[in-house]
Amino acid sequence: MEYPWTILFFFISLALSIVAALISAIILEAYRRRFNHGHIEAPAIFEDPNSLKRVPCPSIFDPAEKYMSLIVPAFNEEYRLRGALEETINYLRQRAAKDKSFSYEVIIIDDGSVDGTKGVAFNFVRKYSVENVRVILLGRNHGKGEAIRKGMLHSRGELLLMLDADGATKITDLEKLENQIQAVAVVKKEGSRDPSIRISDIPITAFGSRAHLEEKALATRKWYRNFLMKGFHLVVLLTAGPGIRDTQCGFKMFTRSAARKLFTNIRLKRWCFDVELVYLCKYFGISMVEVSVNWSEIPGSKLSPRSILNMLWELALMSVGYRTGTWRIST
């Protein structure tokens, strides 16, 4: 009769041991990453493929030289990047032709691709010049969050837009985010009564959102994908709190001052850096707006069940890191 109790005790002990080991691993990894917001070892230079001259990278702490910077992280995007860049640059050139005050740059961050992504990116630099299109090579894969951070920290824009290399979000929708930021900036400027203040000086973030498409997505996805999505949203809510319904849309715009605060502090380098951005916006009191955008699913997504597990792991690290004070925020 004692065997069932012995077996039950064994499994309870095993479960407690696993939980204790997991908690210990999270605490140790959070402590290990306490200085993880420093630069990775990648040269701060752009290379001009036409002249072969090296152009020093600007810093996010320098005054803005362009009106808008577009940051495009790319990992093995040889086949999707070309079409997305053509659409993006055509829009930017047309807008610049109509509005002489509109200036831009596109920064492509090759996150250790092993296909022809680098070649595709440099072809655009040759075609449109290093003044308008620039490439940063990270050497090896670090993660989407790290790639975007690197681009943000070496951009020149008053407004900085991150967008995915697959072109899933319609590029003209950047005007929706831009208009919302400008509307918030007008209110802030009126409150400050300082006529010299620029939009780049006011910390504001606009989150592109697919939340309005959720009902349709629920109806077409498999039940287990909906279960995972709802579970992830719950974990995000517990970690970063309410405020933004869709944290994971890869279409976000920042004023220069907001980017300076956020991207010198983020520690998560892969999928969940978006959630950390929400947390940091709340910490700094940065105004956040969520804007519905046109989005379509492009074949070739790199999101997998393993990615979901990595996201949950990063959320756990973030929660422990910030709540224990192990991850200190630079102001």
Protein backbone atom coordinates (compact mmCIF):
# COMPACT_ATOMS: atom_id res chain seq x y z
CA MET A 1 0.00 0.00 0.00
CA GLU A 2 2.91 2.34 0.55
CA TYR A 3 4.14 2.14 -3.05
CA PRO A 4 1.61 4.65 -4.49
CA TRP A 5 2.58 7.17 -1.81
CA THR A 6 6.27 6.58 -2.50
CA ILE A 7 5.74 7.15 -6.22
CA LEU A 8 3.63 10.26 -5.55
CA PHE A 9 6.29 11.63 -3.19
CA PHE A 10 8.95 10.97 -5.82
CA PHE A 11 7.11 12.88 -8.53
CA ILE A 12 6.31 15.79 -6.20
CA SER A 13 9.96 15.98 -5.19
CA LEU A 14 11.01 15.82 -8.84
CA ALA A 15 8.57 18.59 -9.82
CA LEU A 16 9.76 20.82 -6.96
CA SER A 17 13.37 20.21 -7.93
CA ILE A 18 12.66 21.16 -11.54
CA VAL A 19 10.83 24.35 -10.47
CA ALA A 20 13.65 25.28 -8.09
CA ALA A 21 16.25 24.65 -10.79
CA LEU A 22 14.28 26.76 -13.30
CA ILE A 23 13.90 29.67 -10.86
CA SER A 24 17.60 29.50 -10.04
CA ALA A 25 18.49 29.48 -13.73
CA ILE A 26 16.29 32.54 -14.38
CA ILE A 27 17.81 34.47 -11.46
CA LEU A 28 21.37 33.59 -12.50
CA GLU A 29 20.77 34.47 -16.15
CA ALA A 30 19.08 37.76 -15.20
CA TYR A 31 22.11 38.61 -13.07
CA ARG A 32 24.48 37.64 -15.89
CA ARG A 33 22.66 40.02 -18.25
CA ARG A 34 22.73 43.00 -15.89
CA PHE A 35 25.18 44.79 -18.23
CA ASN A 36 23.64 43.38 -21.39
CA HIS A 37 22.62 46.80 -22.72
CA GLY A 38 26.17 47.64 -23.78
CA HIS A 39 27.25 47.65 -27.43
CA ILE A 40 28.03 44.38 -29.13
CA GLU A 41 31.41 44.04 -30.78
CA ALA A 42 30.59 45.39 -34.24
CA PRO A 43 32.49 48.22 -35.96
CA ALA A 44 30.69 51.57 -35.90
CA ILE A 45 31.25 52.32 -39.59
CA PHE A 46 29.31 52.24 -42.83
CA GLU A 47 31.04 51.15 -46.01
CA ASP A 48 30.36 52.91 -49.31
CA PRO A 49 30.46 50.12 -51.94
CA ASN A 50 31.01 52.66 -54.75
CA SER A 51 34.09 54.40 -53.37
CA LEU A 52 35.05 51.68 -50.85
CA LYS A 53 35.46 54.50 -48.32
CA ARG A 54 34.34 53.99 -44.75
CA VAL A 55 31.81 56.45 -43.39
CA PRO A 56 31.81 56.92 -39.60
CA CYS A 57 28.51 56.06 -37.93
CA PRO A 58 26.65 58.89 -36.24
CA SER A 59 25.39 58.48 -32.69
CA ILE A 60 21.85 58.75 -31.34
CA PHE A 61 23.30 61.43 -29.03
CA ASP A 62 24.27 63.62 -32.02
CA PRO A 63 21.80 66.23 -33.35
CA ALA A 64 19.43 64.89 -36.01
CA GLU A 65 20.57 65.32 -39.64
CA LYS A 66 17.57 63.71 -41.36
CA TYR A 67 13.85 63.96 -40.82
CA MET A 68 13.25 60.21 -40.81
CA SER A 69 15.34 57.06 -40.36
CA LEU A 70 13.96 53.65 -41.31
CA ILE A 71 15.59 50.72 -39.50
CA VAL A 72 15.31 47.34 -41.24
CA PRO A 73 16.67 44.23 -39.45
CA ALA A 74 17.42 41.38 -41.84
CA PHE A 75 18.40 37.77 -41.19
CA ASN A 76 18.48 35.49 -44.24
CA GLU A 77 16.08 37.76 -46.14
CA GLU A 78 17.61 37.46 -49.62
CA TYR A 79 14.27 36.78 -51.31
CA ARG A 80 11.92 39.02 -49.30
CA LEU A 81 14.15 42.04 -48.73
CA ARG A 82 14.44 43.22 -52.34
CA GLY A 83 10.71 43.74 -52.89
CA ALA A 84 10.17 45.38 -49.52
CA LEU A 85 13.07 47.81 -50.06
CA GLU A 86 11.94 48.73 -53.56
CA GLU A 87 8.47 49.60 -52.31
CA THR A 88 9.88 51.52 -49.34
CA ILE A 89 12.44 53.56 -51.27
CA ASN A 90 9.99 54.35 -54.08
CA TYR A 91 7.62 55.81 -51.48
CA LEU A 92 10.41 57.81 -49.80
CA ARG A 93 11.71 59.20 -53.10
CA GLN A 94 8.23 60.23 -54.23
CA ARG A 95 7.59 61.95 -50.94
CA ALA A 96 10.94 63.73 -51.02
CA ALA A 97 10.20 64.93 -54.56
CA LYS A 98 6.92 66.48 -53.40
CA ASP A 99 8.26 67.87 -50.13
CA LYS A 100 11.77 69.34 -50.31
CA SER A 101 11.98 69.48 -46.50
CA PHE A 102 11.57 65.69 -46.26
CA SER A 103 14.88 63.87 -45.88
CA TYR A 104 15.40 60.22 -45.07
CA GLU A 105 17.78 57.32 -44.66
CA VAL A 106 17.26 53.57 -44.71
CA ILE A 107 19.53 51.51 -42.46
CA ILE A 108 19.65 47.77 -43.13
CA ILE A 109 21.17 45.65 -40.37
CA ASP A 110 22.39 42.28 -41.63
CA ASP A 111 22.11 40.11 -38.53
CA GLY A 112 24.64 37.46 -39.51
CA SER A 113 22.85 36.21 -42.64
CA VAL A 114 24.35 33.21 -44.45
CA ASP A 115 22.50 33.75 -47.74
CA GLY A 116 22.63 36.65 -50.21
CA THR A 117 21.07 39.29 -47.92
CA LYS A 118 24.29 41.31 -47.74
CA GLY A 119 24.54 41.47 -51.53
CA VAL A 120 20.93 42.59 -51.93
CA ALA A 121 21.42 45.32 -49.32
CA PHE A 122 24.64 46.67 -50.86
CA ASN A 123 23.04 46.76 -54.31
CA PHE A 124 20.59 49.31 -52.91
CA VAL A 125 23.47 51.34 -51.45
CA ARG A 126 25.15 51.40 -54.88
CA LYS A 127 21.91 52.47 -56.53
CA TYR A 128 20.81 55.16 -54.07
CA SER A 129 24.15 56.17 -52.41
CA VAL A 130 25.43 55.73 -48.87
CA GLU A 131 23.83 59.05 -47.96
CA ASN A 132 20.37 57.52 -48.24
CA VAL A 133 20.89 53.77 -47.76
CA ARG A 134 23.34 52.27 -45.29
CA VAL A 135 24.21 48.75 -44.19
CA ILE A 136 25.49 47.53 -40.84
CA LEU A 137 26.97 44.03 -40.73
CA LEU A 138 26.78 42.33 -37.33
CA GLY A 139 28.96 39.40 -38.39
CA ARG A 140 26.96 36.74 -36.58
CA ASN A 141 23.34 36.36 -35.57
CA HIS A 142 22.46 38.26 -32.39
CA GLY A 143 18.68 38.57 -32.68
CA LYS A 144 16.12 41.01 -34.04
CA GLY A 145 16.17 43.18 -30.92
CA GLU A 146 19.93 43.64 -31.06
CA ALA A 147 19.84 44.38 -34.79
CA ILE A 148 17.22 47.09 -34.33
CA ARG A 149 19.05 48.56 -31.36
CA LYS A 150 22.26 48.82 -33.38
CA GLY A 151 20.44 50.62 -36.18
CA MET A 152 18.65 52.97 -33.82
CA LEU A 153 21.83 53.96 -31.98
CA HIS A 154 23.53 54.92 -35.28
CA SER A 155 20.66 56.72 -37.00
CA ARG A 156 20.30 60.38 -37.95
CA GLY A 157 16.52 60.94 -37.97
CA GLU A 158 14.22 63.11 -35.93
CA LEU A 159 11.75 60.25 -36.27
CA LEU A 160 12.92 56.64 -36.29
CA LEU A 161 10.81 53.84 -37.73
CA MET A 162 11.51 50.14 -37.27
CA LEU A 163 9.95 47.87 -39.89
CA ASP A 164 10.30 44.25 -40.89
CA ALA A 165 12.27 43.14 -43.93
CA ASP A 166 9.32 41.21 -45.36
CA GLY A 167 7.21 44.29 -46.04
CA ALA A 168 4.22 42.87 -44.15
CA THR A 169 3.01 46.35 -43.16
CA LYS A 170 2.08 48.82 -45.89
CA ILE A 171 4.84 51.43 -45.93
CA THR A 172 2.45 54.35 -46.42
CA ASP A 173 1.05 53.55 -42.98
CA LEU A 174 4.09 55.22 -41.48
CA GLU A 175 2.16 58.44 -42.05
CA LYS A 176 -0.48 57.22 -39.57
CA LEU A 177 2.17 56.80 -36.88
CA GLU A 178 3.87 60.05 -37.86
CA ASN A 179 0.59 62.00 -37.65
CA GLN A 180 -0.19 60.59 -34.21
CA ILE A 181 3.27 61.51 -32.94
CA GLN A 182 2.91 65.02 -34.35
CA ALA A 183 -0.51 65.40 -32.70
CA VAL A 184 0.90 64.42 -29.31
CA ALA A 185 3.92 66.68 -29.87
CA VAL A 186 1.67 69.69 -30.55
CA VAL A 187 -0.05 69.20 -27.20
CA LYS A 188 3.29 68.76 -25.43
CA LYS A 189 4.75 71.89 -27.07
CA GLU A 190 1.74 73.95 -26.06
CA GLY A 191 2.16 72.73 -22.49
CA SER A 192 5.87 73.59 -22.41
CA ARG A 193 5.44 77.06 -23.98
CA ASP A 194 8.88 76.73 -25.54
CA PRO A 195 8.67 77.59 -29.27
CA SER A 196 12.21 76.32 -29.96
CA ILE A 197 11.44 72.74 -28.95
CA ARG A 198 11.53 70.24 -31.85
CA ILE A 199 9.57 67.05 -32.35
CA SER A 200 12.80 65.07 -31.86
CA ASP A 201 13.12 66.53 -28.35
CA ILE A 202 9.75 65.18 -27.15
CA PRO A 203 9.79 61.50 -26.10
CA ILE A 204 6.91 59.78 -27.90
CA THR A 205 6.44 56.23 -29.23
CA ALA A 206 3.83 55.06 -31.76
CA PHE A 207 3.08 51.33 -31.88
CA GLY A 208 1.72 49.92 -35.12
CA SER A 209 -1.06 47.50 -34.21
CA ARG A 210 -2.82 44.50 -35.73
CA ALA A 211 -5.26 44.22 -32.84
CA HIS A 212 -8.16 45.17 -35.14
CA LEU A 213 -7.38 42.03 -37.19
CA GLU A 214 -7.47 39.69 -34.20
CA GLU A 215 -11.05 38.48 -34.65
CA LYS A 216 -10.35 37.41 -38.24
CA ALA A 217 -7.09 35.74 -37.18
CA LEU A 218 -8.87 33.76 -34.44
CA ALA A 219 -11.33 32.42 -36.98
CA THR A 220 -8.65 31.22 -39.44
CA ARG A 221 -5.89 29.95 -37.15
CA LYS A 222 -5.63 26.48 -35.66
CA TRP A 223 -6.96 26.20 -32.08
CA TYR A 224 -3.52 25.55 -30.58
CA ARG A 225 -2.07 28.68 -32.19
CA ASN A 226 -4.93 30.72 -30.74
CA PHE A 227 -4.27 29.10 -27.35
CA LEU A 228 -0.58 30.01 -27.53
CA MET A 229 -1.40 33.56 -28.64
CA LYS A 230 -3.88 34.15 -25.82
CA GLY A 231 -1.46 32.65 -23.31
CA PHE A 232 1.36 34.89 -24.54
CA HIS A 233 -0.86 37.98 -24.30
CA LEU A 234 -1.66 37.08 -20.70
CA VAL A 235 2.02 36.70 -19.84
CA VAL A 236 2.79 40.05 -21.52
CA LEU A 237 0.01 41.70 -19.52
CA LEU A 238 1.45 40.33 -16.27
CA THR A 239 4.98 41.36 -17.24
CA ALA A 240 4.62 44.82 -18.80
CA GLY A 241 1.11 45.74 -17.70
CA PRO A 242 -1.82 47.06 -19.79
CA GLY A 243 -1.66 49.82 -22.37
CA ILE A 244 -0.63 48.26 -25.70
CA ARG A 245 -2.76 45.45 -27.13
CA ASP A 246 -0.32 44.37 -29.84
CA THR A 247 3.26 44.57 -28.64
CA GLN A 248 4.73 42.32 -31.35
CA CYS A 249 3.89 44.19 -34.55
CA GLY A 250 7.23 45.03 -36.19
CA PHE A 251 6.17 48.55 -37.18
CA LYS A 252 7.01 51.15 -34.52
CA MET A 253 8.05 54.80 -34.62
CA PHE A 254 10.04 56.74 -32.05
CA THR A 255 11.09 60.34 -31.66
CA ARG A 256 14.85 60.73 -31.33
CA SER A 257 14.69 61.51 -27.62
CA ALA A 258 12.49 58.46 -26.96
CA ALA A 259 14.84 56.18 -28.93
CA ARG A 260 17.82 57.57 -27.00
CA LYS A 261 16.28 56.58 -23.66
CA LEU A 262 14.89 53.23 -24.79
CA PHE A 263 17.62 51.73 -26.94
CA THR A 264 20.46 52.58 -24.58
CA ASN A 265 18.66 50.48 -21.96
CA ILE A 266 17.03 47.44 -23.57
CA ARG A 267 18.67 44.14 -22.72
CA LEU A 268 16.55 41.56 -24.56
CA LYS A 269 18.09 40.80 -27.92
CA ARG A 270 15.54 38.59 -29.60
CA TRP A 271 11.74 38.39 -29.88
CA CYS A 272 10.61 40.01 -26.63
CA PHE A 273 12.48 43.29 -26.83
CA ASP A 274 9.12 44.82 -27.92
CA VAL A 275 7.63 44.03 -24.51
CA GLU A 276 10.67 45.53 -22.81
CA LEU A 277 10.13 48.71 -24.83
CA VAL A 278 6.61 49.01 -23.37
CA TYR A 279 7.98 48.50 -19.86
CA LEU A 280 10.67 51.14 -20.38
CA CYS A 281 8.20 53.61 -21.91
CA LYS A 282 6.14 53.35 -18.73
CA TYR A 283 9.23 53.72 -16.55
CA PHE A 284 10.33 56.92 -18.34
CA GLY A 285 6.79 58.27 -18.73
CA ILE A 286 7.15 58.27 -22.52
CA SER A 287 3.84 58.92 -24.28
CA MET A 288 2.59 55.82 -26.12
CA VAL A 289 -0.01 55.68 -28.89
CA GLU A 290 -1.29 52.53 -30.61
CA VAL A 291 -2.22 52.91 -34.27
CA SER A 292 -4.00 50.35 -36.47
CA VAL A 293 -2.01 49.46 -39.59
CA ASN A 294 -2.58 47.45 -42.76
CA TRP A 295 -0.81 44.13 -42.33
CA SER A 296 -0.65 40.93 -44.36
CA GLU A 297 1.08 37.67 -43.54
CA ILE A 298 4.09 37.06 -45.78
CA PRO A 299 5.32 33.47 -46.32
CA GLY A 300 8.67 32.68 -44.71
CA SER A 301 8.02 33.64 -41.08
CA LYS A 302 10.80 32.62 -38.70
CA LEU A 303 8.46 32.31 -35.71
CA SER A 304 8.37 28.70 -34.43
CA PRO A 305 7.38 26.79 -31.27
CA ARG A 306 10.98 27.17 -30.17
CA SER A 307 10.59 30.94 -30.60
CA ILE A 308 7.57 30.89 -28.28
CA LEU A 309 9.62 29.13 -25.59
CA ASN A 310 12.43 31.65 -26.06
CA MET A 311 9.93 34.50 -25.69
CA LEU A 312 8.58 33.09 -22.42
CA TRP A 313 12.14 32.66 -21.17
CA GLU A 314 13.00 36.27 -22.02
CA LEU A 315 9.82 37.56 -20.35
CA ALA A 316 10.75 35.67 -17.19
CA LEU A 317 14.26 37.16 -17.28
CA MET A 318 12.87 40.64 -17.80
CA SER A 319 10.40 40.33 -14.94
CA VAL A 320 13.07 39.09 -12.52
CA GLY A 321 15.72 41.53 -13.77
CA TYR A 322 13.65 44.67 -13.33
CA ARG A 323 11.57 43.69 -10.30
CA THR A 324 14.65 42.73 -8.27
CA GLY A 325 16.58 45.82 -9.35
CA THR A 326 19.29 43.67 -10.99
CA TRP A 327 18.69 45.45 -14.28
CA ARG A 328 19.35 49.11 -13.58
CA ILE A 329 18.02 51.73 -15.94
CA SER A 330 20.24 54.57 -17.10
CA THR A 331 18.48 57.92 -17.13
